[in-house]
Amino acid sequence: MSDYKFKLPIIGDGGVGKTALTHRYLHGIFEEKYALTIGMEFYIKKLEVDGKLTSLHIWDFAGEDKFRFLLPGVINGANGTLFMFDITRYKTFNNLKNWLAVFNETNRNYGQEVETLLIGSKLDLEQARTVSIDEAREFAKAHNFSEYIECSSKTGEYVESIFEKIAQLMLKKESSLLKKK
């Protein structure tokens, strides 16, 4: 039995690597091709964070516009959210504003504050980068993300640290809420 259960959606355009990130984290594997996610996929990962048994309920949300109507239901009750874009496809970075608009409106409607990380994927394709690290960091700061992290699901670089960081942020927030009660 977990001490804490956290809902963690992963949001971003189709093809940015949300499923690859999730599979690398959960199973330690990377495949060159993944089928596009239909609606969403749901996974559970148990881990220990700061001595607390924690259960991450990971919601891998489809990035196609036709599924966007489902997004408010995915965000409702979330404890943390990973926003993801592909560092080699500027359009996926630019589209973060659209994802954030739905995210922010949903959080206002439900009266919730959710921890967020901005994730730049496909670090192994550094030579094809179209989004600079500085631009991504500025975006993260301007939109109140806790942090900006780049990763490679192909090599596994920084994958574990993303989930450890968001789990720590969610645990810290949950602990501070419990102290206020």
N, C-alpha and C. Protein backbone atom coordinates (compact mmCIF):
# COMPACT_ATOMS: atom_id res chain seq x y z
N MET A 1 0.85 -1.19 0.00
CA MET A 1 0.00 0.00 0.00
C MET A 1 0.89 1.24 0.00
N SER A 2 0.62 2.16 -0.89
CA SER A 2 1.41 3.38 -1.02
C SER A 2 0.97 4.41 0.02
N ASP A 3 1.94 5.17 0.51
CA ASP A 3 1.63 6.28 1.40
C ASP A 3 0.96 7.41 0.63
N TYR A 4 1.39 7.58 -0.61
CA TYR A 4 0.87 8.66 -1.46
C TYR A 4 0.57 8.13 -2.85
N LYS A 5 -0.52 8.63 -3.43
CA LYS A 5 -0.89 8.32 -4.81
C LYS A 5 -0.99 9.64 -5.56
N PHE A 6 -0.24 9.76 -6.65
CA PHE A 6 -0.22 10.99 -7.42
C PHE A 6 -0.63 10.76 -8.86
N LYS A 7 -1.54 11.60 -9.32
CA LYS A 7 -1.97 11.58 -10.73
C LYS A 7 -1.02 12.48 -11.51
N LEU A 8 -0.42 11.92 -12.58
CA LEU A 8 0.60 12.62 -13.35
C LEU A 8 0.34 12.52 -14.86
N PRO A 9 -0.40 13.47 -15.43
CA PRO A 9 -0.56 13.49 -16.89
C PRO A 9 0.73 13.96 -17.58
N ILE A 10 0.94 13.44 -18.79
CA ILE A 10 2.01 13.91 -19.66
C ILE A 10 1.33 14.47 -20.90
N ILE A 11 1.59 15.75 -21.17
CA ILE A 11 0.85 16.49 -22.20
C ILE A 11 1.81 17.07 -23.23
N GLY A 12 1.40 17.05 -24.48
CA GLY A 12 2.17 17.66 -25.56
C GLY A 12 1.70 17.13 -26.90
N ASP A 13 2.19 17.72 -27.96
CA ASP A 13 1.81 17.31 -29.31
C ASP A 13 2.13 15.84 -29.56
N GLY A 14 1.45 15.28 -30.55
CA GLY A 14 1.73 13.92 -30.98
C GLY A 14 3.15 13.82 -31.52
N GLY A 15 3.81 12.72 -31.22
CA GLY A 15 5.14 12.46 -31.75
C GLY A 15 6.28 13.13 -31.01
N VAL A 16 6.00 13.79 -29.86
CA VAL A 16 7.09 14.43 -29.12
C VAL A 16 7.86 13.45 -28.24
N GLY A 17 7.29 12.28 -28.00
CA GLY A 17 8.00 11.27 -27.22
C GLY A 17 7.40 10.96 -25.87
N LYS A 18 6.13 11.27 -25.67
CA LYS A 18 5.50 11.00 -24.37
C LYS A 18 5.47 9.50 -24.07
N THR A 19 5.08 8.71 -25.05
CA THR A 19 5.02 7.26 -24.87
C THR A 19 6.42 6.68 -24.73
N ALA A 20 7.36 7.17 -25.52
CA ALA A 20 8.74 6.69 -25.42
C ALA A 20 9.33 7.00 -24.04
N LEU A 21 9.05 8.19 -23.51
CA LEU A 21 9.51 8.56 -22.17
C LEU A 21 8.92 7.61 -21.12
N THR A 22 7.63 7.39 -21.23
CA THR A 22 6.94 6.53 -20.26
C THR A 22 7.48 5.11 -20.31
N HIS A 23 7.65 4.56 -21.50
CA HIS A 23 8.15 3.19 -21.63
C HIS A 23 9.61 3.07 -21.17
N ARG A 24 10.41 4.07 -21.46
CA ARG A 24 11.80 4.05 -20.99
C ARG A 24 11.83 4.06 -19.46
N TYR A 25 10.99 4.90 -18.86
CA TYR A 25 10.95 4.99 -17.40
C TYR A 25 10.42 3.71 -16.76
N LEU A 26 9.33 3.19 -17.28
CA LEU A 26 8.69 2.03 -16.66
C LEU A 26 9.39 0.71 -16.94
N HIS A 27 9.90 0.57 -18.17
CA HIS A 27 10.42 -0.74 -18.59
C HIS A 27 11.90 -0.72 -18.98
N GLY A 28 12.49 0.48 -19.04
CA GLY A 28 13.89 0.58 -19.41
C GLY A 28 14.17 0.27 -20.86
N ILE A 29 13.13 0.39 -21.70
CA ILE A 29 13.30 0.07 -23.11
C ILE A 29 12.98 1.28 -24.00
N PHE A 30 13.52 1.23 -25.20
CA PHE A 30 13.21 2.23 -26.22
C PHE A 30 12.98 1.51 -27.53
N GLU A 31 11.91 1.87 -28.20
CA GLU A 31 11.63 1.34 -29.53
C GLU A 31 11.67 2.49 -30.52
N GLU A 32 12.13 2.23 -31.72
CA GLU A 32 12.21 3.28 -32.73
C GLU A 32 10.84 3.78 -33.14
N LYS A 33 9.85 2.91 -33.15
CA LYS A 33 8.50 3.29 -33.59
C LYS A 33 7.49 2.94 -32.52
N TYR A 34 6.60 3.89 -32.25
CA TYR A 34 5.47 3.66 -31.36
C TYR A 34 4.21 4.00 -32.14
N ALA A 35 3.14 3.26 -31.91
CA ALA A 35 1.85 3.62 -32.49
C ALA A 35 1.35 4.87 -31.77
N LEU A 36 0.65 5.73 -32.50
CA LEU A 36 0.09 6.92 -31.87
C LEU A 36 -0.89 6.51 -30.78
N THR A 37 -0.83 7.21 -29.67
CA THR A 37 -1.74 6.94 -28.57
C THR A 37 -3.15 7.35 -28.95
N ILE A 38 -4.11 6.48 -28.69
CA ILE A 38 -5.52 6.78 -28.94
C ILE A 38 -6.14 7.21 -27.61
N GLY A 39 -6.49 8.49 -27.50
CA GLY A 39 -7.06 9.00 -26.26
C GLY A 39 -6.01 9.14 -25.18
N MET A 40 -5.79 8.07 -24.43
CA MET A 40 -4.73 8.08 -23.43
C MET A 40 -4.40 6.66 -23.02
N GLU A 41 -3.22 6.51 -22.48
CA GLU A 41 -2.78 5.25 -21.88
C GLU A 41 -2.52 5.54 -20.41
N PHE A 42 -2.72 4.54 -19.58
CA PHE A 42 -2.62 4.72 -18.14
C PHE A 42 -1.64 3.70 -17.57
N TYR A 43 -0.72 4.16 -16.73
CA TYR A 43 0.30 3.29 -16.14
C TYR A 43 0.46 3.62 -14.65
N ILE A 44 0.94 2.66 -13.89
CA ILE A 44 1.23 2.88 -12.47
C ILE A 44 2.67 2.47 -12.20
N LYS A 45 3.37 3.31 -11.46
CA LYS A 45 4.75 3.02 -11.06
C LYS A 45 4.87 3.32 -9.57
N LYS A 46 5.34 2.34 -8.82
CA LYS A 46 5.58 2.54 -7.38
C LYS A 46 7.05 2.83 -7.18
N LEU A 47 7.33 3.81 -6.34
CA LEU A 47 8.69 4.17 -6.04
C LEU A 47 8.76 4.78 -4.65
N GLU A 48 9.95 4.85 -4.12
CA GLU A 48 10.16 5.48 -2.83
C GLU A 48 10.72 6.87 -3.05
N VAL A 49 10.08 7.85 -2.42
CA VAL A 49 10.50 9.25 -2.53
C VAL A 49 10.66 9.79 -1.12
N ASP A 50 11.86 10.19 -0.80
CA ASP A 50 12.14 10.74 0.54
C ASP A 50 11.59 9.84 1.64
N GLY A 51 11.77 8.54 1.48
CA GLY A 51 11.35 7.58 2.50
C GLY A 51 9.87 7.25 2.48
N LYS A 52 9.13 7.79 1.54
CA LYS A 52 7.68 7.54 1.45
C LYS A 52 7.39 6.66 0.24
N LEU A 53 6.58 5.62 0.45
CA LEU A 53 6.17 4.78 -0.66
C LEU A 53 5.13 5.55 -1.47
N THR A 54 5.44 5.74 -2.73
CA THR A 54 4.64 6.60 -3.60
C THR A 54 4.21 5.83 -4.84
N SER A 55 3.00 6.09 -5.27
CA SER A 55 2.46 5.47 -6.47
C SER A 55 2.17 6.57 -7.49
N LEU A 56 2.86 6.52 -8.64
CA LEU A 56 2.61 7.48 -9.71
C LEU A 56 1.59 6.86 -10.66
N HIS A 57 0.51 7.57 -10.88
CA HIS A 57 -0.50 7.17 -11.86
C HIS A 57 -0.26 8.04 -13.08
N ILE A 58 0.44 7.48 -14.05
CA ILE A 58 0.91 8.22 -15.22
C ILE A 58 -0.13 8.12 -16.33
N TRP A 59 -0.57 9.28 -16.80
CA TRP A 59 -1.55 9.37 -17.88
C TRP A 59 -0.83 9.90 -19.11
N ASP A 60 -0.58 9.04 -20.07
CA ASP A 60 0.06 9.40 -21.33
C ASP A 60 -1.05 9.86 -22.28
N PHE A 61 -1.18 11.18 -22.43
CA PHE A 61 -2.29 11.76 -23.17
C PHE A 61 -1.95 11.92 -24.65
N ALA A 62 -2.89 11.54 -25.51
CA ALA A 62 -2.70 11.66 -26.95
C ALA A 62 -2.53 13.13 -27.34
N GLY A 63 -1.66 13.39 -28.29
CA GLY A 63 -1.36 14.75 -28.68
C GLY A 63 -2.14 15.28 -29.87
N GLU A 64 -3.06 14.51 -30.39
CA GLU A 64 -3.82 14.96 -31.55
C GLU A 64 -4.98 15.84 -31.11
N ASP A 65 -5.29 16.84 -31.93
CA ASP A 65 -6.37 17.79 -31.62
C ASP A 65 -7.71 17.11 -31.36
N LYS A 66 -7.98 16.02 -32.07
CA LYS A 66 -9.29 15.37 -31.94
C LYS A 66 -9.54 14.81 -30.53
N PHE A 67 -8.48 14.67 -29.72
CA PHE A 67 -8.64 14.17 -28.36
C PHE A 67 -8.60 15.28 -27.31
N ARG A 68 -8.39 16.51 -27.75
CA ARG A 68 -8.20 17.61 -26.80
C ARG A 68 -9.40 17.82 -25.88
N PHE A 69 -10.59 17.47 -26.34
CA PHE A 69 -11.79 17.63 -25.50
C PHE A 69 -11.71 16.78 -24.23
N LEU A 70 -10.88 15.74 -24.24
CA LEU A 70 -10.70 14.89 -23.05
C LEU A 70 -9.77 15.50 -22.01
N LEU A 71 -8.98 16.49 -22.43
CA LEU A 71 -7.93 17.02 -21.57
C LEU A 71 -8.40 17.55 -20.22
N PRO A 72 -9.50 18.32 -20.13
CA PRO A 72 -9.91 18.78 -18.80
C PRO A 72 -10.15 17.65 -17.80
N GLY A 73 -10.72 16.54 -18.27
CA GLY A 73 -10.92 15.40 -17.39
C GLY A 73 -9.63 14.76 -16.94
N VAL A 74 -8.62 14.82 -17.79
CA VAL A 74 -7.31 14.27 -17.43
C VAL A 74 -6.63 15.18 -16.40
N ILE A 75 -6.77 16.47 -16.57
CA ILE A 75 -6.12 17.43 -15.67
C ILE A 75 -6.81 17.48 -14.31
N ASN A 76 -8.13 17.29 -14.29
CA ASN A 76 -8.88 17.33 -13.03
C ASN A 76 -8.31 16.30 -12.05
N GLY A 77 -7.91 16.76 -10.90
CA GLY A 77 -7.37 15.87 -9.87
C GLY A 77 -5.89 15.56 -10.01
N ALA A 78 -5.24 16.18 -11.00
CA ALA A 78 -3.80 15.94 -11.18
C ALA A 78 -3.01 16.57 -10.04
N ASN A 79 -1.94 15.91 -9.67
CA ASN A 79 -1.01 16.44 -8.66
C ASN A 79 0.20 17.08 -9.31
N GLY A 80 0.52 16.62 -10.50
CA GLY A 80 1.65 17.14 -11.25
C GLY A 80 1.40 16.89 -12.72
N THR A 81 2.10 17.64 -13.57
CA THR A 81 1.95 17.47 -15.00
C THR A 81 3.29 17.70 -15.68
N LEU A 82 3.60 16.84 -16.64
CA LEU A 82 4.77 17.02 -17.48
C LEU A 82 4.29 17.56 -18.82
N PHE A 83 4.81 18.72 -19.22
CA PHE A 83 4.54 19.27 -20.55
C PHE A 83 5.76 18.96 -21.39
N MET A 84 5.53 18.39 -22.56
CA MET A 84 6.64 17.88 -23.35
C MET A 84 6.62 18.43 -24.77
N PHE A 85 7.79 18.77 -25.28
CA PHE A 85 7.95 19.16 -26.68
C PHE A 85 9.22 18.54 -27.21
N ASP A 86 9.34 18.52 -28.53
CA ASP A 86 10.48 17.94 -29.23
C ASP A 86 11.45 19.08 -29.57
N ILE A 87 12.68 19.02 -29.08
CA ILE A 87 13.64 20.12 -29.30
C ILE A 87 14.00 20.28 -30.77
N THR A 88 13.64 19.30 -31.62
CA THR A 88 13.96 19.38 -33.05
C THR A 88 12.77 19.84 -33.90
N ARG A 89 11.63 20.06 -33.28
CA ARG A 89 10.42 20.49 -34.00
C ARG A 89 9.84 21.71 -33.29
N TYR A 90 10.17 22.89 -33.80
CA TYR A 90 9.78 24.14 -33.15
C TYR A 90 8.27 24.25 -32.97
N LYS A 91 7.52 23.71 -33.90
CA LYS A 91 6.06 23.78 -33.82
C LYS A 91 5.55 23.16 -32.52
N THR A 92 6.17 22.09 -32.07
CA THR A 92 5.73 21.43 -30.83
C THR A 92 5.98 22.31 -29.62
N PHE A 93 7.03 23.14 -29.69
CA PHE A 93 7.32 24.10 -28.63
C PHE A 93 6.29 25.23 -28.67
N ASN A 94 6.04 25.72 -29.85
CA ASN A 94 5.08 26.81 -30.03
C ASN A 94 3.67 26.40 -29.59
N ASN A 95 3.31 25.15 -29.80
CA ASN A 95 1.98 24.66 -29.43
C ASN A 95 1.79 24.49 -27.93
N LEU A 96 2.84 24.60 -27.15
CA LEU A 96 2.70 24.50 -25.70
C LEU A 96 1.71 25.54 -25.17
N LYS A 97 1.64 26.69 -25.82
CA LYS A 97 0.71 27.74 -25.38
C LYS A 97 -0.73 27.25 -25.43
N ASN A 98 -1.06 26.47 -26.45
CA ASN A 98 -2.41 25.92 -26.57
C ASN A 98 -2.70 24.93 -25.45
N TRP A 99 -1.74 24.05 -25.18
CA TRP A 99 -1.90 23.08 -24.10
C TRP A 99 -2.03 23.78 -22.75
N LEU A 100 -1.21 24.80 -22.55
CA LEU A 100 -1.25 25.55 -21.29
C LEU A 100 -2.57 26.29 -21.09
N ALA A 101 -3.16 26.78 -22.16
CA ALA A 101 -4.43 27.50 -22.04
C ALA A 101 -5.51 26.58 -21.47
N VAL A 102 -5.60 25.36 -21.98
CA VAL A 102 -6.58 24.39 -21.47
C VAL A 102 -6.22 24.01 -20.04
N PHE A 103 -4.95 23.77 -19.80
CA PHE A 103 -4.47 23.39 -18.46
C PHE A 103 -4.82 24.46 -17.43
N ASN A 104 -4.49 25.71 -17.73
CA ASN A 104 -4.74 26.80 -16.78
C ASN A 104 -6.22 27.02 -16.54
N GLU A 105 -7.03 26.97 -17.59
CA GLU A 105 -8.48 27.14 -17.44
C GLU A 105 -9.07 26.01 -16.59
N THR A 106 -8.64 24.79 -16.85
CA THR A 106 -9.14 23.65 -16.07
C THR A 106 -8.76 23.78 -14.60
N ASN A 107 -7.53 24.17 -14.33
CA ASN A 107 -7.11 24.34 -12.94
C ASN A 107 -7.91 25.42 -12.23
N ARG A 108 -8.20 26.53 -12.94
CA ARG A 108 -9.04 27.59 -12.35
C ARG A 108 -10.43 27.04 -12.06
N ASN A 109 -11.00 26.31 -13.01
CA ASN A 109 -12.36 25.77 -12.84
C ASN A 109 -12.46 24.80 -11.67
N TYR A 110 -11.41 24.04 -11.43
CA TYR A 110 -11.43 23.05 -10.35
C TYR A 110 -10.75 23.56 -9.07
N GLY A 111 -10.25 24.79 -9.10
CA GLY A 111 -9.62 25.35 -7.91
C GLY A 111 -8.40 24.57 -7.46
N GLN A 112 -7.59 24.13 -8.39
CA GLN A 112 -6.42 23.33 -8.02
C GLN A 112 -5.14 23.98 -8.53
N GLU A 113 -4.07 23.72 -7.81
CA GLU A 113 -2.73 24.13 -8.22
C GLU A 113 -1.92 22.86 -8.44
N VAL A 114 -1.28 22.78 -9.60
CA VAL A 114 -0.62 21.54 -10.01
C VAL A 114 0.85 21.83 -10.29
N GLU A 115 1.73 20.99 -9.76
CA GLU A 115 3.17 21.10 -10.02
C GLU A 115 3.44 20.76 -11.48
N THR A 116 4.34 21.51 -12.12
CA THR A 116 4.63 21.27 -13.54
C THR A 116 6.12 21.29 -13.83
N LEU A 117 6.51 20.45 -14.77
CA LEU A 117 7.85 20.48 -15.34
C LEU A 117 7.71 20.61 -16.84
N LEU A 118 8.63 21.35 -17.45
CA LEU A 118 8.70 21.45 -18.90
C LEU A 118 9.82 20.52 -19.36
N ILE A 119 9.49 19.65 -20.31
CA ILE A 119 10.43 18.63 -20.77
C ILE A 119 10.71 18.82 -22.26
N GLY A 120 11.98 18.96 -22.59
CA GLY A 120 12.43 18.97 -23.99
C GLY A 120 12.94 17.59 -24.32
N SER A 121 12.31 16.94 -25.30
CA SER A 121 12.68 15.56 -25.63
C SER A 121 13.64 15.50 -26.81
N LYS A 122 14.18 14.32 -27.01
CA LYS A 122 15.06 13.96 -28.13
C LYS A 122 16.42 14.66 -28.07
N LEU A 123 16.95 14.73 -26.87
CA LEU A 123 18.28 15.32 -26.64
C LEU A 123 19.35 14.60 -27.46
N ASP A 124 19.13 13.35 -27.79
CA ASP A 124 20.09 12.60 -28.61
C ASP A 124 20.17 13.17 -30.03
N LEU A 125 19.22 14.02 -30.41
CA LEU A 125 19.22 14.65 -31.73
C LEU A 125 19.65 16.12 -31.63
N GLU A 126 20.54 16.40 -30.70
CA GLU A 126 21.04 17.75 -30.43
C GLU A 126 21.42 18.51 -31.72
N GLN A 127 22.05 17.82 -32.66
CA GLN A 127 22.51 18.47 -33.89
C GLN A 127 21.35 19.00 -34.73
N ALA A 128 20.12 18.54 -34.50
CA ALA A 128 18.95 18.99 -35.26
C ALA A 128 18.07 19.95 -34.44
N ARG A 129 18.60 20.44 -33.34
CA ARG A 129 17.85 21.31 -32.42
C ARG A 129 17.32 22.55 -33.14
N THR A 130 16.04 22.88 -32.86
CA THR A 130 15.43 24.12 -33.36
C THR A 130 14.98 25.03 -32.22
N VAL A 131 14.95 24.50 -31.00
CA VAL A 131 14.56 25.28 -29.82
C VAL A 131 15.78 25.38 -28.92
N SER A 132 16.23 26.60 -28.68
CA SER A 132 17.42 26.77 -27.84
C SER A 132 17.09 26.52 -26.37
N ILE A 133 18.10 26.11 -25.64
CA ILE A 133 17.93 25.88 -24.20
C ILE A 133 17.48 27.17 -23.52
N ASP A 134 18.07 28.29 -23.90
CA ASP A 134 17.71 29.57 -23.28
C ASP A 134 16.25 29.92 -23.54
N GLU A 135 15.78 29.70 -24.76
CA GLU A 135 14.39 30.01 -25.08
C GLU A 135 13.43 29.13 -24.27
N ALA A 136 13.77 27.85 -24.14
CA ALA A 136 12.93 26.94 -23.36
C ALA A 136 12.94 27.33 -21.88
N ARG A 137 14.09 27.69 -21.36
CA ARG A 137 14.17 28.11 -19.95
C ARG A 137 13.37 29.39 -19.70
N GLU A 138 13.45 30.33 -20.63
CA GLU A 138 12.68 31.57 -20.50
C GLU A 138 11.18 31.27 -20.52
N PHE A 139 10.75 30.38 -21.41
CA PHE A 139 9.35 29.97 -21.48
C PHE A 139 8.92 29.34 -20.16
N ALA A 140 9.75 28.44 -19.64
CA ALA A 140 9.44 27.76 -18.38
C ALA A 140 9.28 28.78 -17.25
N LYS A 141 10.17 29.72 -17.19
CA LYS A 141 10.11 30.74 -16.14
C LYS A 141 8.87 31.62 -16.30
N ALA A 142 8.59 32.05 -17.52
CA ALA A 142 7.45 32.93 -17.79
C ALA A 142 6.11 32.26 -17.48
N HIS A 143 6.07 30.94 -17.56
CA HIS A 143 4.82 30.21 -17.36
C HIS A 143 4.82 29.40 -16.06
N ASN A 144 5.70 29.76 -15.15
CA ASN A 144 5.72 29.20 -13.78
C ASN A 144 5.94 27.69 -13.70
N PHE A 145 6.71 27.15 -14.63
CA PHE A 145 7.11 25.75 -14.49
C PHE A 145 8.15 25.68 -13.38
N SER A 146 8.16 24.59 -12.65
CA SER A 146 9.15 24.43 -11.58
C SER A 146 10.56 24.31 -12.13
N GLU A 147 10.65 23.70 -13.33
CA GLU A 147 11.98 23.47 -13.90
C GLU A 147 11.85 23.09 -15.37
N TYR A 148 12.94 23.28 -16.11
CA TYR A 148 13.03 22.80 -17.49
C TYR A 148 14.12 21.74 -17.53
N ILE A 149 13.77 20.57 -18.09
CA ILE A 149 14.72 19.45 -18.18
C ILE A 149 14.67 18.90 -19.60
N GLU A 150 15.83 18.64 -20.17
CA GLU A 150 15.90 17.95 -21.46
C GLU A 150 16.28 16.50 -21.22
N CYS A 151 15.78 15.63 -22.10
CA CYS A 151 16.05 14.21 -21.92
C CYS A 151 16.13 13.50 -23.26
N SER A 152 16.60 12.28 -23.22
CA SER A 152 16.57 11.39 -24.37
C SER A 152 16.00 10.05 -23.92
N SER A 153 14.85 9.72 -24.44
CA SER A 153 14.28 8.40 -24.15
C SER A 153 15.09 7.32 -24.83
N LYS A 154 15.73 7.67 -25.94
CA LYS A 154 16.54 6.69 -26.68
C LYS A 154 17.74 6.24 -25.85
N THR A 155 18.47 7.19 -25.27
CA THR A 155 19.65 6.84 -24.47
C THR A 155 19.32 6.65 -22.99
N GLY A 156 18.16 7.16 -22.57
CA GLY A 156 17.78 7.10 -21.16
C GLY A 156 18.27 8.30 -20.36
N GLU A 157 18.98 9.20 -21.01
CA GLU A 157 19.57 10.35 -20.32
C GLU A 157 18.49 11.23 -19.68
N TYR A 158 18.59 11.41 -18.37
CA TYR A 158 17.72 12.25 -17.54
C TYR A 158 16.28 11.77 -17.40
N VAL A 159 15.95 10.60 -17.90
CA VAL A 159 14.58 10.09 -17.78
C VAL A 159 14.20 9.87 -16.32
N GLU A 160 15.03 9.14 -15.59
CA GLU A 160 14.75 8.88 -14.17
C GLU A 160 14.63 10.18 -13.38
N SER A 161 15.52 11.11 -13.65
CA SER A 161 15.53 12.36 -12.88
C SER A 161 14.26 13.18 -13.08
N ILE A 162 13.65 13.08 -14.25
CA ILE A 162 12.38 13.79 -14.49
C ILE A 162 11.31 13.29 -13.53
N PHE A 163 11.15 11.99 -13.45
CA PHE A 163 10.10 11.42 -12.61
C PHE A 163 10.44 11.58 -11.13
N GLU A 164 11.71 11.49 -10.78
CA GLU A 164 12.10 11.73 -9.39
C GLU A 164 11.80 13.18 -8.99
N LYS A 165 12.12 14.12 -9.87
CA LYS A 165 11.90 15.54 -9.58
C LYS A 165 10.41 15.84 -9.41
N ILE A 166 9.58 15.40 -10.34
CA ILE A 166 8.15 15.70 -10.23
C ILE A 166 7.55 14.99 -9.01
N ALA A 167 8.00 13.79 -8.69
CA ALA A 167 7.50 13.08 -7.51
C ALA A 167 7.88 13.85 -6.24
N GLN A 168 9.10 14.36 -6.18
CA GLN A 168 9.52 15.17 -5.02
C GLN A 168 8.68 16.43 -4.89
N LEU A 169 8.42 17.09 -6.01
CA LEU A 169 7.60 18.31 -5.98
C LEU A 169 6.18 18.02 -5.49
N MET A 170 5.60 16.93 -5.99
CA MET A 170 4.24 16.57 -5.58
C MET A 170 4.20 16.18 -4.11
N LEU A 171 5.20 15.43 -3.66
CA LEU A 171 5.25 15.03 -2.26
C LEU A 171 5.42 16.24 -1.35
N LYS A 172 6.28 17.15 -1.73
CA LYS A 172 6.50 18.37 -0.94
C LYS A 172 5.20 19.17 -0.83
N LYS A 173 4.50 19.33 -1.93
CA LYS A 173 3.25 20.08 -1.93
C LYS A 173 2.21 19.37 -1.07
N GLU A 174 2.08 18.06 -1.23
CA GLU A 174 1.10 17.29 -0.45
C GLU A 174 1.42 17.37 1.04
N SER A 175 2.68 17.28 1.39
CA SER A 175 3.09 17.37 2.80
C SER A 175 2.77 18.74 3.39
N SER A 176 2.98 19.80 2.61
CA SER A 176 2.67 21.13 3.11
C SER A 176 1.18 21.35 3.25
N LEU A 177 0.37 20.74 2.36
CA LEU A 177 -1.09 20.84 2.47
C LEU A 177 -1.58 20.11 3.71
N LEU A 178 -0.99 18.96 4.02
CA LEU A 178 -1.40 18.19 5.19
C LEU A 178 -1.07 18.94 6.49
N LYS A 179 0.05 19.67 6.48
CA LYS A 179 0.43 20.44 7.67
C LYS A 179 -0.52 21.60 7.93
N LYS A 180 -1.11 22.14 6.87
CA LYS A 180 -2.04 23.26 7.01
C LYS A 180 -3.38 22.83 7.57
N LYS A 181 -3.71 21.54 7.44
CA LYS A 181 -5.03 21.05 7.90
C LYS A 181 -5.11 20.91 9.39
